Amino acid sequence: MSGSLPPAREDHSSVIESDRLLVVEGARSLVGRDALTVKGKTFPNDCTGVVRAAYWYAGIDLAKDFSKYTGNGVTRIYRTLEDRNLLYLTDRPLPGDIIFWDNTYDRNEDGEWNDPLTHIGVVVAVSENGQIDYVHANYRKGIIIEYMNLIDSDTNTKTVFGKVVAVNSPMRMAGQVVNELWLSSHLLRNFGMGYLLK
């Protein structure tokens, strides 16, 4: 997996680094919570609400320009970043990046594989082996940390020292798998640098 990076992706100033780390801290603070109230603002308890709340923790309002766009919250965040050239594709994103997925469920209920921008999450860690930890709102388990590895994209789990560990968490909603694409790595669209909106 590769793609060209927008010029802004190469800017690692201390301010940007600090904002990214605050986004990660904010995302981690949401794990296991039912109510999404952060610094006096309440967000919907869904995937978009989780990402907006994590960014709000860092002082960044992802919904500031929502009125310029149509569609669901995922689409509006995507269009906001797209218009500022803040989307990119890589197998090693940065903690704090927003993850966009397509086709996580059959949104239009037509049985086809044609549902873009259906889910969103926040990268909270990236290991040397390409393991990406992300926070998102799982439709059954609530706000949790799950996993994705774009270097080993077809592996769901593997055994390490006698213990089964997740490599790529299931992403397609149960009962809606219509082909072999069902893992977080399979449904990835790209990443976004929302922290550069500040």
C-alpha atoms as a PDB file:
ATOM      1  CA  MET A   1       0.000   0.000   0.000  1.00  0.00           C
ATOM      2  CA  SER A   2       1.469   3.312  -0.993  1.00  0.00           C
ATOM      3  CA  GLY A   3       0.439   6.753  -2.078  1.00  0.00           C
ATOM      4  CA  SER A   4       1.751  10.218  -2.396  1.00  0.00           C
ATOM      5  CA  LEU A   5       1.787  12.294   0.737  1.00  0.00           C
ATOM      6  CA  PRO A   6       0.549  15.866   0.737  1.00  0.00           C
ATOM      7  CA  PRO A   7       3.217  18.401   1.647  1.00  0.00           C
ATOM      8  CA  ALA A   8       1.678  18.998   5.075  1.00  0.00           C
ATOM      9  CA  ARG A   9       2.337  15.351   6.103  1.00  0.00           C
ATOM     10  CA  GLU A  10       6.076  16.081   6.218  1.00  0.00           C
ATOM     11  CA  ASP A  11       5.740  18.945   8.726  1.00  0.00           C
ATOM     12  CA  HIS A  12       6.609  17.564  12.168  1.00  0.00           C
ATOM     13  CA  SER A  13       6.825  20.792  14.132  1.00  0.00           C
ATOM     14  CA  SER A  14       6.484  20.558  17.912  1.00  0.00           C
ATOM     15  CA  VAL A  15       3.042  22.175  17.755  1.00  0.00           C
ATOM     16  CA  ILE A  16       1.719  19.546  15.359  1.00  0.00           C
ATOM     17  CA  GLU A  17       3.340  16.759  17.384  1.00  0.00           C
ATOM     18  CA  SER A  18       1.681  18.092  20.535  1.00  0.00           C
ATOM     19  CA  ASP A  19      -1.726  18.262  18.823  1.00  0.00           C
ATOM     20  CA  ARG A  20      -1.387  14.695  17.533  1.00  0.00           C
ATOM     21  CA  LEU A  21      -0.511  13.417  20.989  1.00  0.00           C
ATOM     22  CA  LEU A  22      -3.507  15.227  22.498  1.00  0.00           C
ATOM     23  CA  VAL A  23      -5.784  13.592  19.916  1.00  0.00           C
ATOM     24  CA  VAL A  24      -4.380  10.185  20.908  1.00  0.00           C
ATOM     25  CA  GLU A  25      -4.820  10.973  24.606  1.00  0.00           C
ATOM     26  CA  GLY A  26      -8.368  12.101  23.930  1.00  0.00           C
ATOM     27  CA  ALA A  27      -9.199   8.966  21.928  1.00  0.00           C
ATOM     28  CA  ARG A  28      -7.788   6.659  24.596  1.00  0.00           C
ATOM     29  CA  SER A  29      -9.806   8.486  27.274  1.00  0.00           C
ATOM     30  CA  LEU A  30     -13.032   7.546  25.459  1.00  0.00           C
ATOM     31  CA  VAL A  31     -12.493   3.777  25.519  1.00  0.00           C
ATOM     32  CA  GLY A  32     -15.273   2.030  27.438  1.00  0.00           C
ATOM     33  CA  ARG A  33     -17.358   5.158  27.886  1.00  0.00           C
ATOM     34  CA  ASP A  34     -21.071   5.394  27.181  1.00  0.00           C
ATOM     35  CA  ALA A  35     -21.415   9.173  27.332  1.00  0.00           C
ATOM     36  CA  LEU A  36     -19.225  11.320  25.123  1.00  0.00           C
ATOM     37  CA  THR A  37     -18.907  14.610  26.952  1.00  0.00           C
ATOM     38  CA  VAL A  38     -15.497  16.201  26.518  1.00  0.00           C
ATOM     39  CA  LYS A  39     -14.557  19.635  27.853  1.00  0.00           C
ATOM     40  CA  GLY A  40     -18.196  20.643  28.242  1.00  0.00           C
ATOM     41  CA  LYS A  41     -19.399  19.448  24.827  1.00  0.00           C
ATOM     42  CA  THR A  42     -21.492  16.315  24.260  1.00  0.00           C
ATOM     43  CA  PHE A  43     -21.076  14.246  21.106  1.00  0.00           C
ATOM     44  CA  PRO A  44     -23.263  11.490  19.648  1.00  0.00           C
ATOM     45  CA  ASN A  45     -22.212   8.004  20.711  1.00  0.00           C
ATOM     46  CA  ASP A  46     -21.338   6.792  17.226  1.00  0.00           C
ATOM     47  CA  CYS A  47     -18.192   6.522  15.132  1.00  0.00           C
ATOM     48  CA  THR A  48     -18.206  10.154  14.064  1.00  0.00           C
ATOM     49  CA  GLY A  49     -18.920  11.306  17.610  1.00  0.00           C
ATOM     50  CA  VAL A  50     -15.919   9.350  18.912  1.00  0.00           C
ATOM     51  CA  VAL A  51     -13.539  10.952  16.402  1.00  0.00           C
ATOM     52  CA  ARG A  52     -14.973  14.435  16.910  1.00  0.00           C
ATOM     53  CA  ALA A  53     -14.715  14.033  20.707  1.00  0.00           C
ATOM     54  CA  ALA A  54     -11.071  12.874  20.508  1.00  0.00           C
ATOM     55  CA  TYR A  55     -10.206  15.887  18.381  1.00  0.00           C
ATOM     56  CA  TRP A  56     -12.228  18.254  20.571  1.00  0.00           C
ATOM     57  CA  TYR A  57     -10.058  17.083  23.469  1.00  0.00           C
ATOM     58  CA  ALA A  58      -7.117  18.503  21.477  1.00  0.00           C
ATOM     59  CA  GLY A  59      -8.963  21.777  20.816  1.00  0.00           C
ATOM     60  CA  ILE A  60      -9.880  20.929  17.216  1.00  0.00           C
ATOM     61  CA  ASP A  61     -13.468  21.225  15.968  1.00  0.00           C
ATOM     62  CA  LEU A  62     -13.835  18.786  13.066  1.00  0.00           C
ATOM     63  CA  ALA A  63     -17.438  19.903  12.540  1.00  0.00           C
ATOM     64  CA  LYS A  64     -16.612  23.585  12.105  1.00  0.00           C
ATOM     65  CA  ASP A  65     -17.269  23.429   8.346  1.00  0.00           C
ATOM     66  CA  PHE A  66     -19.967  20.740   8.316  1.00  0.00           C
ATOM     67  CA  SER A  67     -22.519  23.157   6.853  1.00  0.00           C
ATOM     68  CA  LYS A  68     -20.476  23.307   3.626  1.00  0.00           C
ATOM     69  CA  TYR A  69     -21.056  19.631   2.908  1.00  0.00           C
ATOM     70  CA  THR A  70     -23.854  17.085   2.644  1.00  0.00           C
ATOM     71  CA  GLY A  71     -23.991  13.478   3.749  1.00  0.00           C
ATOM     72  CA  ASN A  72     -23.269  11.660   6.975  1.00  0.00           C
ATOM     73  CA  GLY A  73     -20.684  12.780   9.530  1.00  0.00           C
ATOM     74  CA  VAL A  74     -17.982  10.529   8.076  1.00  0.00           C
ATOM     75  CA  THR A  75     -18.477  12.064   4.630  1.00  0.00           C
ATOM     76  CA  ARG A  76     -18.419  15.606   6.000  1.00  0.00           C
ATOM     77  CA  ILE A  77     -15.151  15.041   7.867  1.00  0.00           C
ATOM     78  CA  TYR A  78     -13.698  13.389   4.772  1.00  0.00           C
ATOM     79  CA  ARG A  79     -14.703  16.293   2.501  1.00  0.00           C
ATOM     80  CA  THR A  80     -13.320  18.807   5.007  1.00  0.00           C
ATOM     81  CA  LEU A  81      -9.904  17.111   4.885  1.00  0.00           C
ATOM     82  CA  GLU A  82     -10.073  16.446   1.155  1.00  0.00           C
ATOM     83  CA  ASP A  83     -10.612  20.144   0.407  1.00  0.00           C
ATOM     84  CA  ARG A  84      -7.439  20.947   2.376  1.00  0.00           C
ATOM     85  CA  ASN A  85      -5.302  18.197   0.819  1.00  0.00           C
ATOM     86  CA  LEU A  86      -5.021  16.412   4.181  1.00  0.00           C
ATOM     87  CA  LEU A  87      -5.826  12.862   3.020  1.00  0.00           C
ATOM     88  CA  TYR A  88      -3.194  10.257   2.201  1.00  0.00           C
ATOM     89  CA  LEU A  89      -2.561   6.537   1.916  1.00  0.00           C
ATOM     90  CA  THR A  90       0.274   4.638   3.581  1.00  0.00           C
ATOM     91  CA  ASP A  91       0.912   1.389   5.433  1.00  0.00           C
ATOM     92  CA  ARG A  92       2.345   3.343   8.392  1.00  0.00           C
ATOM     93  CA  PRO A  93       0.089   6.214   9.455  1.00  0.00           C
ATOM     94  CA  LEU A  94       0.808   8.498  12.388  1.00  0.00           C
ATOM     95  CA  PRO A  95      -0.894   8.303  15.793  1.00  0.00           C
ATOM     96  CA  GLY A  96      -3.637  10.908  15.718  1.00  0.00           C
ATOM     97  CA  ASP A  97      -4.531  10.246  12.081  1.00  0.00           C
ATOM     98  CA  ILE A  98      -8.180   9.676  11.220  1.00  0.00           C
ATOM     99  CA  ILE A  99      -8.982   6.365   9.504  1.00  0.00           C
ATOM    100  CA  PHE A 100     -11.724   6.211   6.872  1.00  0.00           C
ATOM    101  CA  TRP A 101     -13.333   2.930   5.810  1.00  0.00           C
ATOM    102  CA  ASP A 102     -15.755   2.013   3.017  1.00  0.00           C
ATOM    103  CA  ASN A 103     -18.369  -0.748   2.867  1.00  0.00           C
ATOM    104  CA  THR A 104     -18.390  -1.621   6.566  1.00  0.00           C
ATOM    105  CA  TYR A 105     -22.093  -2.276   6.124  1.00  0.00           C
ATOM    106  CA  ASP A 106     -24.685  -2.199   3.345  1.00  0.00           C
ATOM    107  CA  ARG A 107     -25.868   1.334   4.050  1.00  0.00           C
ATOM    108  CA  ASN A 108     -28.227   1.593   1.082  1.00  0.00           C
ATOM    109  CA  GLU A 109     -29.436  -2.021   1.529  1.00  0.00           C
ATOM    110  CA  ASP A 110     -29.096  -2.902  -2.151  1.00  0.00           C
ATOM    111  CA  GLY A 111     -26.855  -5.938  -1.624  1.00  0.00           C
ATOM    112  CA  GLU A 112     -24.048  -4.305  -3.621  1.00  0.00           C
ATOM    113  CA  TRP A 113     -20.502  -3.352  -2.615  1.00  0.00           C
ATOM    114  CA  ASN A 114     -21.061   0.378  -3.187  1.00  0.00           C
ATOM    115  CA  ASP A 115     -21.153   2.125   0.174  1.00  0.00           C
ATOM    116  CA  PRO A 116     -18.298   4.625   0.547  1.00  0.00           C
ATOM    117  CA  LEU A 117     -17.330   6.362   3.780  1.00  0.00           C
ATOM    118  CA  THR A 118     -19.299   4.228   6.209  1.00  0.00           C
ATOM    119  CA  HIS A 119     -16.971   4.241   9.223  1.00  0.00           C
ATOM    120  CA  ILE A 120     -14.231   6.252  10.918  1.00  0.00           C
ATOM    121  CA  GLY A 121     -11.711   5.869  13.747  1.00  0.00           C
ATOM    122  CA  VAL A 122      -8.501   7.335  15.234  1.00  0.00           C
ATOM    123  CA  VAL A 123      -5.007   5.810  15.103  1.00  0.00           C
ATOM    124  CA  VAL A 124      -3.563   5.655  18.632  1.00  0.00           C
ATOM    125  CA  ALA A 125      -0.363   3.621  18.062  1.00  0.00           C
ATOM    126  CA  VAL A 126       1.756   2.203  15.242  1.00  0.00           C
ATOM    127  CA  SER A 127       4.378  -0.530  15.813  1.00  0.00           C
ATOM    128  CA  GLU A 128       7.542  -1.323  13.887  1.00  0.00           C
ATOM    129  CA  ASN A 129       5.861  -4.398  12.374  1.00  0.00           C
ATOM    130  CA  GLY A 130       3.073  -2.231  10.930  1.00  0.00           C
ATOM    131  CA  GLN A 131       0.512  -2.996  13.638  1.00  0.00           C
ATOM    132  CA  ILE A 132      -1.949  -0.100  13.914  1.00  0.00           C
ATOM    133  CA  ASP A 133      -4.033   0.294  17.081  1.00  0.00           C
ATOM    134  CA  TYR A 134      -7.129   2.415  16.623  1.00  0.00           C
ATOM    135  CA  VAL A 135     -10.050   3.627  18.714  1.00  0.00           C
ATOM    136  CA  HIS A 136     -13.531   3.479  17.214  1.00  0.00           C
ATOM    137  CA  ALA A 137     -17.160   2.810  18.041  1.00  0.00           C
ATOM    138  CA  ASN A 138     -17.751  -0.892  17.448  1.00  0.00           C
ATOM    139  CA  TYR A 139     -21.429  -1.453  16.679  1.00  0.00           C
ATOM    140  CA  ARG A 140     -21.648  -4.285  19.259  1.00  0.00           C
ATOM    141  CA  LYS A 141     -18.865  -3.645  21.782  1.00  0.00           C
ATOM    142  CA  GLY A 142     -18.972   0.135  22.151  1.00  0.00           C
ATOM    143  CA  ILE A 143     -15.866   2.316  22.128  1.00  0.00           C
ATOM    144  CA  ILE A 144     -12.843   0.034  21.987  1.00  0.00           C
ATOM    145  CA  ILE A 145      -9.298  -0.320  20.681  1.00  0.00           C
ATOM    146  CA  GLU A 146      -8.945  -2.656  17.710  1.00  0.00           C
ATOM    147  CA  TYR A 147      -6.226  -3.492  15.205  1.00  0.00           C
ATOM    148  CA  MET A 148      -5.136  -3.229  11.591  1.00  0.00           C
ATOM    149  CA  ASN A 149      -1.946  -4.223   9.788  1.00  0.00           C
ATOM    150  CA  LEU A 150      -1.635  -3.182   6.156  1.00  0.00           C
ATOM    151  CA  ILE A 151       1.608  -5.113   5.712  1.00  0.00           C
ATOM    152  CA  ASP A 152      -0.156  -8.349   6.715  1.00  0.00           C
ATOM    153  CA  SER A 153      -3.569  -7.370   5.416  1.00  0.00           C
ATOM    154  CA  ASP A 154      -5.211 -10.789   4.964  1.00  0.00           C
ATOM    155  CA  THR A 155      -4.561 -12.117   8.468  1.00  0.00           C
ATOM    156  CA  ASN A 156      -7.321 -11.886  11.060  1.00  0.00           C
ATOM    157  CA  THR A 157      -5.477 -13.505  13.991  1.00  0.00           C
ATOM    158  CA  LYS A 158      -2.240 -15.378  14.610  1.00  0.00           C
ATOM    159  CA  THR A 159      -0.715 -17.289  17.492  1.00  0.00           C
ATOM    160  CA  VAL A 160       2.234 -15.665  19.238  1.00  0.00           C
ATOM    161  CA  PHE A 161       3.913 -17.565  22.096  1.00  0.00           C
ATOM    162  CA  GLY A 162       0.822 -19.741  22.468  1.00  0.00           C
ATOM    163  CA  LYS A 163      -1.603 -16.802  22.591  1.00  0.00           C
ATOM    164  CA  VAL A 164      -4.026 -15.794  19.840  1.00  0.00           C
ATOM    165  CA  VAL A 165      -3.599 -12.113  18.958  1.00  0.00           C
ATOM    166  CA  ALA A 166      -5.549  -9.914  16.567  1.00  0.00           C
ATOM    167  CA  VAL A 167      -3.743  -8.686  13.468  1.00  0.00           C
ATOM    168  CA  ASN A 168      -6.692  -7.209  11.570  1.00  0.00           C
ATOM    169  CA  SER A 169      -9.959  -6.824  13.448  1.00  0.00           C
ATOM    170  CA  PRO A 170     -13.224  -7.753  11.743  1.00  0.00           C
ATOM    171  CA  MET A 171     -14.895  -4.671  10.308  1.00  0.00           C
ATOM    172  CA  ARG A 172     -17.787  -5.739   8.073  1.00  0.00           C
ATOM    173  CA  MET A 173     -20.957  -5.978  10.159  1.00  0.00           C
ATOM    174  CA  ALA A 174     -22.011  -9.543  11.004  1.00  0.00           C
ATOM    175  CA  GLY A 175     -24.401 -11.072   8.507  1.00  0.00           C
ATOM    176  CA  GLN A 176     -23.363  -8.642   5.789  1.00  0.00           C
ATOM    177  CA  VAL A 177     -20.206 -10.303   4.455  1.00  0.00           C
ATOM    178  CA  VAL A 178     -20.828 -10.650   0.738  1.00  0.00           C
ATOM    179  CA  ASN A 179     -17.276 -11.494  -0.323  1.00  0.00           C
ATOM    180  CA  GLU A 180     -13.864 -12.128   1.197  1.00  0.00           C
ATOM    181  CA  LEU A 181     -13.372  -8.462   2.183  1.00  0.00           C
ATOM    182  CA  TRP A 182     -14.296  -8.151   5.836  1.00  0.00           C
ATOM    183  CA  LEU A 183     -11.244  -7.082   7.833  1.00  0.00           C
ATOM    184  CA  SER A 184     -10.266  -3.537   8.838  1.00  0.00           C
ATOM    185  CA  SER A 185      -7.350  -3.720   6.377  1.00  0.00           C
ATOM    186  CA  HIS A 186      -9.607  -4.792   3.501  1.00  0.00           C
ATOM    187  CA  LEU A 187     -12.052  -1.917   3.882  1.00  0.00           C
ATOM    188  CA  LEU A 188      -9.593   0.926   4.456  1.00  0.00           C
ATOM    189  CA  ARG A 189     -10.087   3.962   2.237  1.00  0.00           C
ATOM    190  CA  ASN A 190      -7.313   6.242   3.524  1.00  0.00           C
ATOM    191  CA  PHE A 191      -6.050   8.357   6.408  1.00  0.00           C
ATOM    192  CA  GLY A 192      -6.584  12.005   7.258  1.00  0.00           C
ATOM    193  CA  MET A 193      -4.531  14.554   9.161  1.00  0.00           C
ATOM    194  CA  GLY A 194      -7.274  16.340  11.049  1.00  0.00           C
ATOM    195  CA  TYR A 195      -4.764  17.753  13.520  1.00  0.00           C
ATOM    196  CA  LEU A 196      -3.547  20.100  10.769  1.00  0.00           C
ATOM    197  CA  LEU A 197      -6.923  21.878  10.806  1.00  0.00           C
ATOM    198  CA  LYS A 198      -5.992  23.712  14.008  1.00  0.00           C
END
